[in-house]
C-alpha atoms as a PDB file:
ATOM      1  CA  UNK A   1     116.272  26.481  91.685  1.00  0.00           C
ATOM      2  CA  UNK A   2     112.839  26.845  93.211  1.00  0.00           C
ATOM      3  CA  UNK A   3     109.611  24.956  92.883  1.00  0.00           C
ATOM      4  CA  UNK A   4     106.011  26.039  93.265  1.00  0.00           C
ATOM      5  CA  UNK A   5     102.632  24.416  92.814  1.00  0.00           C
ATOM      6  CA  UNK A   6     100.055  26.321  90.791  1.00  0.00           C
ATOM      7  CA  UNK A   7      96.499  25.382  89.978  1.00  0.00           C
ATOM      8  CA  UNK A   8      95.860  25.094  86.261  1.00  0.00           C
ATOM      9  CA  UNK A   9      93.210  27.795  86.749  1.00  0.00           C
ATOM     10  CA  UNK A  10      95.869  30.227  88.030  1.00  0.00           C
ATOM     11  CA  UNK A  11      98.665  29.436  85.587  1.00  0.00           C
ATOM     12  CA  UNK A  12      97.986  32.633  83.636  1.00  0.00           C
ATOM     13  CA  UNK A  13      98.816  34.693  86.718  1.00  0.00           C
ATOM     14  CA  UNK A  14     102.300  33.222  86.710  1.00  0.00           C
ATOM     15  CA  UNK A  15     103.216  33.116  83.039  1.00  0.00           C
ATOM     16  CA  UNK A  16     103.299  35.897  80.494  1.00  0.00           C
ATOM     17  CA  UNK A  17     100.391  35.879  78.061  1.00  0.00           C
ATOM     18  CA  UNK A  18     100.582  38.402  75.262  1.00  0.00           C
ATOM     19  CA  UNK A  19      96.816  38.203  74.727  1.00  0.00           C
ATOM     20  CA  UNK A  20      95.956  39.354  78.258  1.00  0.00           C
ATOM     21  CA  UNK A  21      96.532  43.070  78.740  1.00  0.00           C
ATOM     22  CA  UNK A  22      94.544  43.425  81.968  1.00  0.00           C
ATOM     23  CA  UNK A  23      97.376  42.564  84.344  1.00  0.00           C
ATOM     24  CA  UNK A  24     101.079  41.813  84.307  1.00  0.00           C
ATOM     25  CA  UNK A  25     102.050  38.251  85.095  1.00  0.00           C
ATOM     26  CA  UNK A  26     104.584  37.357  87.764  1.00  0.00           C
ATOM     27  CA  UNK A  27     106.913  36.208  84.984  1.00  0.00           C
ATOM     28  CA  UNK A  28     106.763  39.653  83.349  1.00  0.00           C
ATOM     29  CA  UNK A  29     107.532  41.420  86.634  1.00  0.00           C
ATOM     30  CA  UNK A  30     110.429  39.052  87.350  1.00  0.00           C
ATOM     31  CA  UNK A  31     111.885  39.702  83.888  1.00  0.00           C
ATOM     32  CA  UNK A  32     111.612  43.470  84.331  1.00  0.00           C
ATOM     33  CA  UNK A  33     113.292  43.312  87.738  1.00  0.00           C
ATOM     34  CA  UNK A  34     116.065  41.094  86.349  1.00  0.00           C
ATOM     35  CA  UNK A  35     116.889  43.827  83.854  1.00  0.00           C
ATOM     36  CA  UNK A  36     116.491  46.852  86.119  1.00  0.00           C
ATOM     37  CA  UNK A  37     117.554  45.725  89.597  1.00  0.00           C
ATOM     38  CA  UNK A  38     120.860  43.893  89.132  1.00  0.00           C
ATOM     39  CA  UNK A  39     123.198  44.866  91.940  1.00  0.00           C
ATOM     40  CA  UNK A  40     120.478  46.324  94.148  1.00  0.00           C
ATOM     41  CA  UNK A  41     119.890  45.085  97.707  1.00  0.00           C
ATOM     42  CA  UNK A  42     118.022  41.806  98.062  1.00  0.00           C
ATOM     43  CA  UNK A  43     115.663  43.355 100.615  1.00  0.00           C
ATOM     44  CA  UNK A  44     114.424  45.913  98.082  1.00  0.00           C
ATOM     45  CA  UNK A  45     113.950  43.291  95.378  1.00  0.00           C
ATOM     46  CA  UNK A  46     112.052  40.938  97.717  1.00  0.00           C
ATOM     47  CA  UNK A  47     109.496  43.663  98.458  1.00  0.00           C
ATOM     48  CA  UNK A  48     108.790  44.052  94.738  1.00  0.00           C
ATOM     49  CA  UNK A  49     108.623  40.303  94.156  1.00  0.00           C
ATOM     50  CA  UNK A  50     106.245  39.874  97.122  1.00  0.00           C
ATOM     51  CA  UNK A  51     103.960  42.588  95.757  1.00  0.00           C
ATOM     52  CA  UNK A  52     103.923  40.926  92.323  1.00  0.00           C
ATOM     53  CA  UNK A  53     103.249  37.494  93.850  1.00  0.00           C
ATOM     54  CA  UNK A  54     100.433  38.882  95.982  1.00  0.00           C
ATOM     55  CA  UNK A  55      98.859  40.696  93.020  1.00  0.00           C
ATOM     56  CA  UNK A  56      99.020  37.477  90.997  1.00  0.00           C
ATOM     57  CA  UNK A  57      97.505  35.588  93.962  1.00  0.00           C
ATOM     58  CA  UNK A  58     100.481  33.217  94.059  1.00  0.00           C
ATOM     59  CA  UNK A  59     101.438  31.821  97.431  1.00  0.00           C
ATOM     60  CA  UNK A  60     105.187  32.039  97.030  1.00  0.00           C
ATOM     61  CA  UNK A  61     107.208  31.284 100.171  1.00  0.00           C
ATOM     62  CA  UNK A  62     109.472  33.958 101.629  1.00  0.00           C
ATOM     63  CA  UNK A  63     112.551  31.753 101.209  1.00  0.00           C
ATOM     64  CA  UNK A  64     111.793  31.322  97.510  1.00  0.00           C
ATOM     65  CA  UNK A  65     111.412  35.054  97.041  1.00  0.00           C
ATOM     66  CA  UNK A  66     114.770  35.669  98.718  1.00  0.00           C
ATOM     67  CA  UNK A  67     116.359  33.061  96.459  1.00  0.00           C
ATOM     68  CA  UNK A  68     114.881  34.756  93.386  1.00  0.00           C
ATOM     69  CA  UNK A  69     115.949  38.203  94.605  1.00  0.00           C
ATOM     70  CA  UNK A  70     119.514  36.969  95.087  1.00  0.00           C
ATOM     71  CA  UNK A  71     119.560  35.683  91.514  1.00  0.00           C
ATOM     72  CA  UNK A  72     118.305  39.047  90.271  1.00  0.00           C
ATOM     73  CA  UNK A  73     120.900  40.907  92.368  1.00  0.00           C
ATOM     74  CA  UNK A  74     123.791  38.833  91.034  1.00  0.00           C
ATOM     75  CA  UNK A  75     122.499  38.447  87.485  1.00  0.00           C
ATOM     76  CA  UNK A  76     122.564  34.678  87.730  1.00  0.00           C
ATOM     77  CA  UNK A  77     120.066  32.536  85.887  1.00  0.00           C
ATOM     78  CA  UNK A  78     117.132  31.382  88.017  1.00  0.00           C
ATOM     79  CA  UNK A  79     115.103  28.277  87.247  1.00  0.00           C
ATOM     80  CA  UNK A  80     111.652  27.906  88.732  1.00  0.00           C
ATOM     81  CA  UNK A  81     110.080  24.467  88.492  1.00  0.00           C
ATOM     82  CA  UNK A  82     106.294  24.760  88.188  1.00  0.00           C
ATOM     83  CA  UNK A  83     104.045  21.902  89.216  1.00  0.00           C
ATOM     84  CA  UNK A  84     100.556  22.373  87.779  1.00  0.00           C
ATOM     85  CA  UNK A  85      97.831  20.801  89.881  1.00  0.00           C
END
């Protein structure tokens, strides 16, 4: 399980919002990768997660991205605790 801090102003960049069609949220990218990248190498998944985090302007730590990529690779459930500041 991971934990990140997100400003309330940037929460929309993290979570899916069906009313915003201008950009995909990090949550949407993670969900897509969880479906399409099970069993693939962690290193390839991390690159895609980093790109999504950077596009969403989220400062996710490398260790957290590796942890998420491992969950995607194995198909295990991943819980991300979000602290809104």
